Amino acid sequence: MSGKLIVFEGVEGCGKTTQMHLCSQWLRDLSVSFSLTCEPGGTELGTHLRQLLLENSEDKPISEITELLLYGADRAQHIEQELKPNLADGKYILCDRYTDSTIAYQGYGRGLSMSIINQLNYIATGGLESDLTIWLDIDVEVGLARKRDQATLDRIEQETIAFHRRVQQGYTELAATHPSRIFRVDGSLSKETVQQRIQEILNAHLLNS
């Protein structure tokens, strides 16, 4: 079995972490070799970058281009240290965020140049794309309300509602542009129903292909 990169995407509070772990339990039951990882933070270096990117620093805020470059650095290390070796070993990788997050958050959300973002993504990935991306689509206000109920909001989660709506628009347009790679799942449904839909997508497009 060749390795596959399966990415989970969506706005804050969409349920990615929950669905990734449910999916990992399902793959384990099927005796499919898999790996769980995330961006930022999927490597030792990435853990430090994640802290820099998400901690609140109102006195010395991170500039938008610095933020973009830090995400790119995290991704480049992640691919070399985690993604390529696990794919070579034939594992199914379940990854919390990947290149589409950068397009949605830094491109649509921040308004940075899409040309620069696409170039940086290519430099970091060497052209490695996800085999399949699950987009958990949920209203941004519902997602943020979930996050407020769980824990203290990080730097990105504390952005304006207008920012998060632009991010959501980014995902909407990405899904329309890449229908054979990005699959929308209604994240407002019960976690059991969402997981059932994810399993149906993986069965149809990866596991039984």
Protein backbone atom coordinates (compact mmCIF):
# COMPACT_ATOMS: atom_id res chain seq x y z
CA MET A 1 0.00 0.00 0.00
CA SER A 2 1.45 3.34 -1.03
CA GLY A 3 1.39 6.20 1.45
CA LYS A 4 -1.31 8.86 1.26
CA LEU A 5 -1.50 12.38 2.66
CA ILE A 6 -4.94 13.17 4.05
CA VAL A 7 -5.36 16.73 5.30
CA PHE A 8 -8.06 18.15 7.56
CA GLU A 9 -8.89 21.82 7.01
CA GLY A 10 -11.36 24.43 8.21
CA VAL A 11 -11.91 27.54 10.29
CA GLU A 12 -11.35 27.65 14.04
CA GLY A 13 -13.55 25.26 16.01
CA CYS A 14 -14.60 23.18 12.99
CA GLY A 15 -13.79 19.88 14.75
CA LYS A 16 -10.58 18.84 12.99
CA THR A 17 -8.88 17.37 16.04
CA THR A 18 -11.91 15.31 17.06
CA GLN A 19 -12.44 13.95 13.56
CA MET A 20 -8.78 13.14 13.03
CA HIS A 21 -8.69 11.02 16.16
CA LEU A 22 -11.95 9.26 15.27
CA CYS A 23 -10.52 8.59 11.83
CA SER A 24 -7.31 7.22 13.32
CA GLN A 25 -9.31 4.78 15.45
CA TRP A 26 -11.15 3.63 12.34
CA LEU A 27 -7.93 3.12 10.37
CA ARG A 28 -6.45 1.21 13.30
CA ASP A 29 -9.48 -1.11 13.26
CA LEU A 30 -8.88 -1.66 9.54
CA SER A 31 -5.19 -2.47 10.26
CA VAL A 32 -4.09 0.46 8.10
CA SER A 33 -0.71 1.91 9.06
CA PHE A 34 -1.08 5.63 9.76
CA SER A 35 0.55 8.67 11.33
CA LEU A 36 -1.04 11.69 13.05
CA THR A 37 0.60 15.08 12.64
CA CYS A 38 -0.13 18.80 12.38
CA GLU A 39 1.01 22.17 11.05
CA PRO A 40 2.41 24.13 12.67
CA GLY A 41 4.05 21.93 15.27
CA GLY A 42 4.60 18.53 13.66
CA THR A 43 8.32 18.47 14.48
CA GLU A 44 10.51 19.54 17.40
CA LEU A 45 11.40 22.73 15.55
CA GLY A 46 7.76 23.16 14.60
CA THR A 47 6.71 23.03 18.23
CA HIS A 48 8.81 26.13 18.92
CA LEU A 49 7.53 27.86 15.79
CA ARG A 50 3.95 27.06 16.77
CA GLN A 51 4.46 28.75 20.12
CA LEU A 52 5.85 31.85 18.40
CA LEU A 53 2.98 31.92 15.91
CA LEU A 54 0.08 31.37 18.27
CA GLU A 55 1.06 33.02 21.56
CA ASN A 56 -0.41 36.46 22.23
CA SER A 57 2.19 39.21 21.86
CA GLU A 58 0.32 42.50 21.72
CA ASP A 59 3.36 44.51 22.78
CA LYS A 60 5.51 43.12 19.95
CA PRO A 61 3.16 41.75 17.30
CA ILE A 62 4.43 39.50 14.52
CA SER A 63 4.31 41.17 11.12
CA GLU A 64 2.16 39.52 8.45
CA ILE A 65 5.09 38.62 6.19
CA THR A 66 7.04 37.23 9.16
CA GLU A 67 4.02 35.08 10.03
CA LEU A 68 3.91 33.76 6.47
CA LEU A 69 7.62 32.90 6.46
CA LEU A 70 7.42 31.15 9.83
CA TYR A 71 4.59 28.94 8.55
CA GLY A 72 6.72 28.19 5.49
CA ALA A 73 9.69 27.24 7.63
CA ASP A 74 7.54 24.95 9.75
CA ARG A 75 6.17 23.27 6.62
CA ALA A 76 9.56 22.74 5.00
CA GLN A 77 10.91 21.02 8.13
CA HIS A 78 7.71 19.02 8.56
CA ILE A 79 7.86 17.64 5.03
CA GLU A 80 11.48 16.57 5.23
CA GLN A 81 11.32 15.14 8.74
CA GLU A 82 7.82 13.64 8.89
CA LEU A 83 5.78 13.59 5.69
CA LYS A 84 8.28 12.21 3.16
CA PRO A 85 9.58 9.40 5.42
CA ASN A 86 6.10 8.29 6.44
CA LEU A 87 4.80 8.38 2.86
CA ALA A 88 7.83 6.36 1.77
CA ASP A 89 6.93 3.81 4.46
CA GLY A 90 3.46 3.47 2.96
CA LYS A 91 1.62 5.15 5.82
CA TYR A 92 -1.64 7.07 5.64
CA ILE A 93 -0.85 10.47 7.13
CA LEU A 94 -3.64 12.38 8.87
CA CYS A 95 -2.46 15.98 8.94
CA ASP A 96 -4.13 18.89 10.75
CA ARG A 97 -3.69 21.75 8.22
CA TYR A 98 -1.41 22.07 5.21
CA THR A 99 -0.96 24.43 2.25
CA ASP A 100 -4.64 25.36 1.93
CA SER A 101 -4.49 26.89 5.42
CA THR A 102 -1.79 29.30 4.27
CA ILE A 103 -3.84 30.31 1.25
CA ALA A 104 -7.00 30.76 3.34
CA TYR A 105 -5.45 32.49 6.37
CA GLN A 106 -2.54 34.47 4.98
CA GLY A 107 -3.97 34.97 1.49
CA TYR A 108 -7.67 35.59 2.03
CA GLY A 109 -7.49 36.47 5.72
CA ARG A 110 -4.42 38.72 5.71
CA GLY A 111 -4.67 39.81 2.10
CA LEU A 112 -1.06 38.87 1.26
CA SER A 113 0.02 38.26 -2.32
CA MET A 114 -1.24 34.94 -3.65
CA SER A 115 1.74 34.81 -5.99
CA ILE A 116 4.17 35.00 -3.07
CA ILE A 117 2.15 32.46 -1.08
CA ASN A 118 2.06 30.01 -3.98
CA GLN A 119 5.80 30.39 -4.51
CA LEU A 120 6.54 29.88 -0.82
CA ASN A 121 4.25 26.85 -0.63
CA TYR A 122 6.03 25.30 -3.60
CA ILE A 123 9.47 26.00 -2.14
CA ALA A 124 8.44 24.43 1.18
CA THR A 125 6.66 21.40 -0.31
CA GLY A 126 8.63 20.73 -3.49
CA GLY A 127 5.23 20.26 -5.09
CA LEU A 128 3.93 17.68 -2.59
CA GLU A 129 0.12 18.02 -2.50
CA SER A 130 -2.43 16.25 -0.37
CA ASP A 131 -3.98 13.15 -1.89
CA LEU A 132 -7.26 14.19 -0.33
CA THR A 133 -8.37 17.13 1.82
CA ILE A 134 -11.37 17.05 4.15
CA TRP A 135 -12.82 20.54 4.56
CA LEU A 136 -15.00 20.71 7.67
CA ASP A 137 -17.33 23.56 6.78
CA ILE A 138 -18.93 25.39 9.70
CA ASP A 139 -20.19 28.91 10.38
CA VAL A 140 -17.30 30.95 11.78
CA GLU A 141 -19.31 32.27 14.73
CA VAL A 142 -20.34 28.75 15.72
CA GLY A 143 -16.74 27.57 15.50
CA LEU A 144 -15.39 30.47 17.56
CA ALA A 145 -18.08 29.90 20.18
CA ARG A 146 -16.86 26.31 20.48
CA LYS A 147 -13.29 27.53 21.02
CA ARG A 148 -14.36 30.01 23.70
CA ASP A 149 -16.06 27.18 25.56
CA GLN A 150 -12.89 25.05 25.49
CA ALA A 151 -9.91 27.24 26.33
CA THR A 152 -8.20 30.59 26.13
CA LEU A 153 -8.12 31.85 22.56
CA ASP A 154 -4.74 32.01 20.81
CA ARG A 155 -3.49 34.85 18.62
CA ILE A 156 -5.22 33.66 15.45
CA GLU A 157 -8.46 32.78 17.19
CA GLN A 158 -8.61 36.31 18.61
CA GLU A 159 -8.68 37.88 15.15
CA THR A 160 -11.77 39.85 14.08
CA ILE A 161 -14.89 38.10 12.84
CA ALA A 162 -14.29 39.79 9.47
CA PHE A 163 -10.89 38.07 9.27
CA HIS A 164 -12.41 34.66 9.98
CA ARG A 165 -15.12 35.23 7.38
CA ARG A 166 -12.48 36.01 4.78
CA VAL A 167 -10.72 32.77 5.73
CA GLN A 168 -14.00 30.90 5.28
CA GLN A 169 -14.42 32.48 1.87
CA GLY A 170 -10.95 31.26 1.01
CA TYR A 171 -11.87 27.67 1.80
CA THR A 172 -15.09 28.01 -0.18
CA GLU A 173 -13.22 29.18 -3.26
CA LEU A 174 -10.47 26.59 -2.85
CA ALA A 175 -13.04 23.79 -2.71
CA ALA A 176 -14.71 25.10 -5.84
CA THR A 177 -11.35 25.29 -7.63
CA HIS A 178 -10.13 21.81 -6.57
CA PRO A 179 -13.24 19.56 -6.45
CA SER A 180 -11.25 16.37 -7.08
CA ARG A 181 -8.96 16.99 -4.09
CA ILE A 182 -11.01 18.98 -1.54
CA PHE A 183 -14.19 17.43 -0.17
CA ARG A 184 -16.64 19.48 1.87
CA VAL A 185 -18.21 17.94 4.97
CA ASP A 186 -20.84 19.82 6.99
CA GLY A 187 -19.07 20.34 10.32
CA SER A 188 -22.26 21.42 12.07
CA LEU A 189 -23.64 17.88 12.10
CA SER A 190 -23.09 15.45 14.97
CA LYS A 191 -19.53 14.18 15.31
CA GLU A 192 -20.75 10.66 14.51
CA THR A 193 -22.43 11.81 11.29
CA VAL A 194 -19.39 13.84 10.28
CA GLN A 195 -17.12 10.85 10.86
CA GLN A 196 -19.40 8.58 8.85
CA ARG A 197 -19.22 10.99 5.92
CA ILE A 198 -15.42 11.18 6.17
CA GLN A 199 -15.16 7.40 6.14
CA GLU A 200 -17.39 7.25 3.05
CA ILE A 201 -15.13 9.74 1.26
CA LEU A 202 -11.95 7.87 2.18
CA ASN A 203 -13.47 4.54 1.14
CA ALA A 204 -14.59 5.91 -2.19
CA HIS A 205 -11.43 7.78 -3.13
CA LEU A 206 -8.49 6.13 -1.35
CA LEU A 207 -9.00 2.89 0.52
CA ASN A 208 -10.88 1.07 -2.23
CA SER A 209 -9.17 2.70 -5.19
